[in-house]
N, C-alpha and C. Protein backbone atom coordinates (compact mmCIF):
# COMPACT_ATOMS: atom_id res chain seq x y z
N UNK A 1 -14.80 -6.12 -35.18
CA UNK A 1 -15.51 -7.13 -34.41
C UNK A 1 -14.53 -8.47 -33.84
N UNK A 2 -14.83 -8.60 -32.41
CA UNK A 2 -13.82 -9.31 -31.87
C UNK A 2 -14.13 -11.00 -32.49
N UNK A 3 -13.03 -11.74 -32.45
CA UNK A 3 -13.02 -13.13 -33.03
C UNK A 3 -13.62 -14.10 -32.07
N UNK A 4 -14.40 -15.20 -32.25
CA UNK A 4 -15.13 -15.80 -31.39
C UNK A 4 -14.09 -16.42 -30.37
N UNK A 5 -14.53 -16.80 -29.28
CA UNK A 5 -13.66 -17.51 -28.31
C UNK A 5 -13.13 -18.88 -28.65
N UNK A 6 -11.98 -19.48 -28.27
CA UNK A 6 -11.72 -20.53 -28.55
C UNK A 6 -12.67 -21.78 -28.16
N UNK A 7 -12.61 -22.95 -28.75
CA UNK A 7 -13.50 -24.01 -28.25
C UNK A 7 -13.28 -24.19 -26.69
N UNK A 8 -14.50 -24.46 -26.06
CA UNK A 8 -14.35 -24.74 -24.68
C UNK A 8 -14.48 -23.58 -23.86
N UNK A 9 -14.28 -22.32 -24.32
CA UNK A 9 -14.18 -21.02 -23.54
C UNK A 9 -15.43 -20.23 -24.05
N UNK A 10 -16.13 -19.74 -22.93
CA UNK A 10 -17.16 -18.74 -22.97
C UNK A 10 -16.80 -17.48 -23.51
N UNK A 11 -17.73 -16.67 -24.02
CA UNK A 11 -17.51 -15.18 -24.22
C UNK A 11 -17.12 -14.49 -23.05
N UNK A 12 -17.78 -14.69 -21.90
CA UNK A 12 -17.32 -13.79 -20.84
C UNK A 12 -15.99 -14.18 -20.39
N UNK A 13 -15.57 -15.23 -20.35
CA UNK A 13 -14.18 -15.72 -19.70
C UNK A 13 -13.07 -14.86 -20.73
N UNK A 14 -13.49 -14.75 -22.16
CA UNK A 14 -12.57 -14.23 -22.97
C UNK A 14 -12.31 -12.87 -22.67
N UNK A 15 -13.36 -12.18 -22.06
CA UNK A 15 -13.29 -10.75 -21.87
C UNK A 15 -12.69 -10.47 -20.40
N UNK A 16 -13.46 -11.21 -19.47
CA UNK A 16 -12.97 -10.89 -18.08
C UNK A 16 -11.43 -11.54 -17.75
N UNK A 17 -10.79 -12.45 -18.51
CA UNK A 17 -9.70 -12.89 -18.25
C UNK A 17 -8.37 -12.26 -18.94
N UNK A 18 -7.71 -11.46 -18.14
CA UNK A 18 -6.62 -10.55 -18.84
C UNK A 18 -5.59 -11.48 -19.65
N UNK A 19 -5.39 -12.48 -19.09
CA UNK A 19 -4.23 -13.40 -19.67
C UNK A 19 -4.74 -13.78 -21.04
N UNK A 20 -5.96 -14.16 -21.29
CA UNK A 20 -6.63 -14.50 -22.57
C UNK A 20 -6.54 -13.28 -23.58
N UNK A 21 -6.96 -11.93 -23.02
CA UNK A 21 -7.15 -10.75 -23.90
C UNK A 21 -5.62 -10.61 -24.29
N UNK A 22 -4.60 -10.49 -23.31
CA UNK A 22 -3.36 -10.11 -23.67
C UNK A 22 -2.78 -11.14 -24.78
N UNK A 23 -3.24 -12.37 -24.59
CA UNK A 23 -2.49 -13.48 -25.58
C UNK A 23 -3.18 -13.14 -26.96
N UNK A 24 -4.48 -12.75 -27.03
CA UNK A 24 -5.05 -12.48 -28.20
C UNK A 24 -4.49 -11.19 -28.79
N UNK A 25 -3.88 -10.24 -28.02
CA UNK A 25 -3.31 -8.93 -28.61
C UNK A 25 -2.03 -9.15 -28.86
N UNK A 26 -1.45 -10.27 -28.61
CA UNK A 26 -0.24 -10.80 -28.68
C UNK A 26 0.86 -9.70 -28.01
N UNK A 27 0.70 -9.72 -26.78
CA UNK A 27 1.38 -8.98 -25.92
C UNK A 27 2.04 -9.84 -24.85
N UNK A 28 3.07 -10.26 -25.28
CA UNK A 28 3.80 -11.50 -24.50
C UNK A 28 4.39 -10.73 -23.22
N UNK A 29 5.02 -9.22 -23.58
CA UNK A 29 5.65 -8.75 -22.37
C UNK A 29 4.74 -8.42 -21.20
N UNK A 30 3.47 -8.07 -21.43
CA UNK A 30 2.29 -8.03 -20.49
C UNK A 30 2.16 -9.35 -19.81
N UNK A 31 2.06 -10.30 -20.39
CA UNK A 31 1.84 -11.75 -19.74
C UNK A 31 3.10 -12.05 -18.79
N UNK A 32 4.23 -11.66 -19.24
CA UNK A 32 5.48 -12.07 -18.42
C UNK A 32 5.39 -10.97 -17.03
N UNK A 33 4.94 -9.91 -17.32
CA UNK A 33 4.74 -8.87 -16.08
C UNK A 33 3.64 -9.56 -14.98
N UNK A 34 2.56 -9.85 -15.77
CA UNK A 34 1.56 -10.34 -14.73
C UNK A 34 2.00 -11.90 -14.20
N UNK A 35 2.89 -12.49 -14.82
CA UNK A 35 3.42 -13.66 -14.25
C UNK A 35 4.26 -13.30 -13.13
N UNK A 36 5.04 -12.25 -13.21
CA UNK A 36 6.11 -12.07 -12.36
C UNK A 36 5.42 -11.29 -11.02
N UNK A 37 4.52 -10.48 -11.33
CA UNK A 37 3.61 -9.94 -10.45
C UNK A 37 2.88 -10.70 -9.49
N UNK A 38 2.21 -11.94 -10.08
CA UNK A 38 1.72 -12.99 -9.29
C UNK A 38 2.60 -13.81 -8.47
N UNK A 39 4.01 -14.03 -9.11
CA UNK A 39 4.85 -14.85 -8.27
C UNK A 39 5.10 -14.06 -7.25
N UNK A 40 5.34 -12.78 -7.15
CA UNK A 40 5.60 -11.93 -5.91
C UNK A 40 4.69 -11.81 -4.97
N UNK A 41 3.29 -12.12 -5.54
CA UNK A 41 2.19 -11.94 -4.35
C UNK A 41 2.27 -13.39 -3.60
N UNK A 42 2.59 -14.45 -4.18
CA UNK A 42 2.86 -15.61 -3.54
C UNK A 42 3.95 -16.04 -2.59
N UNK A 43 5.00 -15.35 -2.85
CA UNK A 43 6.36 -15.40 -2.35
C UNK A 43 6.93 -14.29 -1.82
N UNK A 44 7.51 -14.32 -0.66
CA UNK A 44 8.17 -13.13 -0.10
C UNK A 44 9.47 -12.73 -0.53
N UNK A 45 9.64 -11.90 -1.05
CA UNK A 45 10.90 -11.13 -1.52
C UNK A 45 11.96 -10.80 -0.53
N UNK A 46 12.97 -11.19 0.06
CA UNK A 46 13.68 -10.67 1.05
C UNK A 46 14.26 -9.54 0.57
N UNK A 47 14.48 -8.48 1.51
CA UNK A 47 15.10 -7.20 1.24
C UNK A 47 16.65 -7.28 1.49
N UNK A 48 17.21 -8.00 2.60
CA UNK A 48 18.55 -8.19 2.83
C UNK A 48 18.80 -9.73 3.12
N UNK A 49 19.87 -9.95 2.99
CA UNK A 49 20.55 -11.44 3.43
C UNK A 49 19.88 -11.81 4.88
N UNK A 50 19.83 -10.85 5.87
CA UNK A 50 19.39 -11.15 7.11
C UNK A 50 17.88 -11.54 7.14
N UNK A 51 17.17 -11.21 6.18
CA UNK A 51 15.79 -11.49 5.91
C UNK A 51 15.78 -12.94 5.54
N UNK A 52 16.67 -13.44 4.81
CA UNK A 52 16.44 -14.80 4.25
C UNK A 52 16.33 -15.79 5.46
N UNK A 53 17.23 -15.47 6.65
CA UNK A 53 17.22 -16.42 7.69
C UNK A 53 16.00 -16.30 8.51
N UNK A 54 15.22 -15.28 8.29
CA UNK A 54 13.87 -15.35 8.92
C UNK A 54 12.58 -15.98 8.31
N UNK A 55 12.99 -16.57 7.19
CA UNK A 55 11.94 -17.27 6.26
C UNK A 55 11.55 -18.62 6.54
N UNK A 56 10.58 -19.11 6.00
CA UNK A 56 10.43 -20.60 6.22
C UNK A 56 11.34 -21.47 5.63
N UNK A 57 11.48 -22.63 6.40
CA UNK A 57 12.66 -23.64 5.85
C UNK A 57 12.76 -23.74 4.44
N UNK A 58 11.63 -23.96 3.56
CA UNK A 58 11.92 -24.23 2.16
C UNK A 58 12.05 -23.06 1.42
N UNK A 59 11.79 -21.86 1.68
CA UNK A 59 12.04 -20.66 0.96
C UNK A 59 13.49 -20.39 1.19
N UNK A 60 13.85 -20.40 2.61
CA UNK A 60 15.17 -20.21 3.03
C UNK A 60 15.98 -20.80 2.20
N UNK A 61 15.93 -22.34 2.15
CA UNK A 61 16.93 -23.19 1.30
C UNK A 61 16.74 -22.89 -0.20
N UNK A 62 15.79 -22.47 -0.87
CA UNK A 62 15.72 -22.04 -2.21
C UNK A 62 16.65 -20.73 -2.45
N UNK A 63 16.50 -19.69 -1.42
CA UNK A 63 17.13 -18.47 -1.50
C UNK A 63 18.59 -18.68 -1.29
N UNK A 64 18.97 -19.61 -0.54
CA UNK A 64 20.44 -19.79 -0.11
C UNK A 64 21.19 -20.83 -1.30
N UNK A 65 20.46 -21.46 -1.90
CA UNK A 65 20.85 -22.06 -3.08
C UNK A 65 21.27 -21.16 -4.40
N UNK A 66 20.26 -20.29 -4.45
CA UNK A 66 20.34 -19.14 -5.30
C UNK A 66 21.58 -18.34 -5.17
N UNK A 67 21.76 -17.85 -3.94
CA UNK A 67 23.06 -17.16 -3.49
C UNK A 67 24.37 -17.70 -3.93
N UNK A 68 24.40 -19.15 -3.52
CA UNK A 68 25.36 -19.86 -3.65
C UNK A 68 25.69 -20.24 -5.18
N UNK A 69 24.67 -20.07 -6.00
CA UNK A 69 24.88 -20.28 -7.47
C UNK A 69 25.49 -18.96 -7.82
N UNK A 70 24.90 -17.82 -7.38
CA UNK A 70 25.57 -16.48 -7.81
C UNK A 70 26.96 -16.55 -7.33
N UNK A 71 27.44 -16.91 -6.28
CA UNK A 71 28.89 -16.81 -5.73
C UNK A 71 29.45 -17.75 -6.75
N UNK A 72 28.96 -18.94 -6.95
CA UNK A 72 29.81 -19.94 -7.83
C UNK A 72 30.11 -19.25 -9.25
N UNK A 73 29.19 -18.75 -9.70
CA UNK A 73 29.21 -17.91 -11.25
C UNK A 73 30.25 -16.82 -11.16
N UNK A 74 30.22 -16.05 -10.10
CA UNK A 74 31.35 -14.76 -9.91
C UNK A 74 32.60 -15.40 -9.76
N UNK A 75 32.71 -16.58 -9.24
CA UNK A 75 34.05 -17.17 -8.90
C UNK A 75 34.60 -17.96 -10.24
N UNK A 76 33.67 -18.52 -10.90
CA UNK A 76 33.94 -19.03 -12.22
C UNK A 76 34.52 -18.12 -13.32
N UNK A 77 33.76 -16.99 -13.18
CA UNK A 77 34.09 -15.90 -14.14
C UNK A 77 35.32 -14.90 -13.66
N UNK A 78 36.19 -15.37 -12.61
CA UNK A 78 37.14 -14.56 -12.07
C UNK A 78 36.78 -13.09 -11.92
N UNK A 79 35.51 -12.69 -11.27
CA UNK A 79 35.17 -11.21 -11.04
C UNK A 79 35.86 -10.71 -10.02
N UNK A 80 36.36 -11.38 -9.13
CA UNK A 80 37.18 -11.01 -7.79
C UNK A 80 38.38 -11.89 -7.53
N UNK A 81 39.12 -11.25 -6.72
CA UNK A 81 40.02 -12.06 -6.24
C UNK A 81 40.49 -11.82 -4.80
N UNK A 82 40.66 -12.58 -3.73
CA UNK A 82 40.80 -12.25 -2.41
C UNK A 82 42.19 -11.91 -2.15
N UNK A 83 42.54 -10.69 -1.53
CA UNK A 83 43.67 -10.12 -1.20
C UNK A 83 43.81 -9.29 0.14
N UNK A 84 44.87 -9.05 0.59
CA UNK A 84 44.87 -8.18 1.64
C UNK A 84 44.69 -6.81 1.07
N UNK A 85 43.84 -6.00 2.07
CA UNK A 85 43.47 -4.56 1.62
C UNK A 85 44.76 -3.62 1.96
N UNK A 86 44.98 -2.93 0.83
CA UNK A 86 46.12 -1.95 0.91
C UNK A 86 45.75 -0.93 1.83
N UNK A 87 46.91 -0.22 2.25
CA UNK A 87 46.77 0.92 3.41
C UNK A 87 45.84 2.02 2.50
N UNK A 88 45.27 2.70 3.21
CA UNK A 88 44.54 4.06 2.73
C UNK A 88 43.60 3.60 1.72
N UNK A 89 43.05 2.30 1.68
CA UNK A 89 41.87 1.96 0.97
C UNK A 89 40.65 1.44 1.56
N UNK A 90 39.56 1.68 0.93
CA UNK A 90 38.31 1.35 1.65
C UNK A 90 37.74 -0.06 0.97
N UNK A 91 37.09 -0.85 1.70
CA UNK A 91 36.38 -1.90 1.20
C UNK A 91 35.20 -1.57 0.27
N UNK A 92 34.90 -2.26 -0.81
CA UNK A 92 33.87 -2.07 -1.54
C UNK A 92 32.76 -2.75 -1.05
N UNK A 93 31.81 -2.18 -0.42
CA UNK A 93 30.68 -2.63 0.20
C UNK A 93 29.68 -3.16 -0.86
N UNK A 94 28.90 -4.31 -0.44
CA UNK A 94 27.97 -5.03 -1.40
C UNK A 94 26.59 -5.28 -0.75
N UNK A 95 25.67 -5.84 -1.44
CA UNK A 95 24.54 -6.08 -1.08
C UNK A 95 23.76 -7.15 -2.01
N UNK A 96 22.82 -7.99 -1.38
CA UNK A 96 22.15 -8.88 -2.27
C UNK A 96 20.83 -8.32 -2.66
N UNK A 97 20.41 -8.57 -4.05
CA UNK A 97 19.14 -8.25 -4.71
C UNK A 97 18.49 -9.49 -5.02
N UNK A 98 17.41 -9.86 -4.45
CA UNK A 98 16.52 -10.98 -4.58
C UNK A 98 15.38 -10.63 -5.53
N UNK A 99 15.08 -11.40 -6.41
CA UNK A 99 13.99 -11.55 -7.55
C UNK A 99 13.60 -12.78 -7.76
N UNK A 100 12.08 -12.94 -8.11
CA UNK A 100 11.60 -14.24 -8.42
C UNK A 100 11.24 -13.84 -10.00
N UNK A 101 11.77 -14.78 -11.05
CA UNK A 101 11.77 -14.63 -12.29
C UNK A 101 10.14 -15.33 -12.75
N UNK A 102 9.68 -14.85 -13.87
CA UNK A 102 8.50 -15.39 -14.04
C UNK A 102 8.01 -16.71 -14.32
N UNK A 103 8.97 -17.48 -14.59
CA UNK A 103 8.93 -18.95 -14.64
C UNK A 103 9.11 -19.65 -13.09
N UNK A 104 9.18 -18.71 -12.08
CA UNK A 104 9.44 -19.27 -10.88
C UNK A 104 10.76 -19.52 -10.23
N UNK A 105 11.83 -19.34 -11.04
CA UNK A 105 13.22 -19.49 -10.48
C UNK A 105 13.49 -18.20 -9.50
N UNK A 106 14.10 -18.65 -8.53
CA UNK A 106 14.82 -17.81 -7.64
C UNK A 106 16.02 -17.11 -8.11
N UNK A 107 16.26 -15.76 -7.98
CA UNK A 107 17.45 -15.28 -8.67
C UNK A 107 17.96 -14.20 -7.41
N UNK A 108 19.32 -14.46 -7.22
CA UNK A 108 19.96 -13.64 -6.47
C UNK A 108 21.13 -13.05 -7.00
N UNK A 109 21.33 -11.76 -6.82
CA UNK A 109 22.50 -11.07 -7.42
C UNK A 109 23.32 -10.32 -6.40
N UNK A 110 24.52 -10.37 -6.34
CA UNK A 110 25.39 -9.74 -5.55
C UNK A 110 25.89 -8.50 -6.26
N UNK A 111 25.56 -7.34 -5.57
CA UNK A 111 25.97 -6.07 -6.12
C UNK A 111 26.79 -5.19 -5.30
N UNK A 112 27.54 -4.15 -5.92
CA UNK A 112 28.55 -3.39 -5.19
C UNK A 112 27.48 -2.17 -4.75
N UNK A 113 27.71 -1.38 -3.67
CA UNK A 113 27.11 -0.34 -3.26
C UNK A 113 28.10 0.98 -3.15
N UNK A 114 27.73 1.97 -3.91
CA UNK A 114 28.45 3.12 -3.82
C UNK A 114 29.64 3.22 -4.79
N UNK A 115 30.72 3.86 -4.46
CA UNK A 115 31.86 3.94 -5.53
C UNK A 115 33.02 3.44 -4.82
N UNK A 116 34.16 2.85 -5.45
CA UNK A 116 35.19 2.55 -4.72
C UNK A 116 36.38 3.40 -5.01
């Protein structure tokens, strides 16, 4: 038998609202999934760095700040060093991966493509 709904909540709300059902079932991972799904429905996720330039000013600013934060973290951790390209070597290509976290934070990650 189901527990009675919390004070101020009708029985129909408890059944039809997936967040309430998941909370009662103690499935936090599902709640985070639904929040992330909702965040991506209301915000546009750029697929490339060029797509960031085509976004409205407020979204563009948040994505650029996220990219700069990622570059600062990479520099602080000494992940790379700038040097001349040795002969007979190819440059390791990279791309940006964009995501919106369930709490609304914009996340940008610079990742390598292929093999070096």
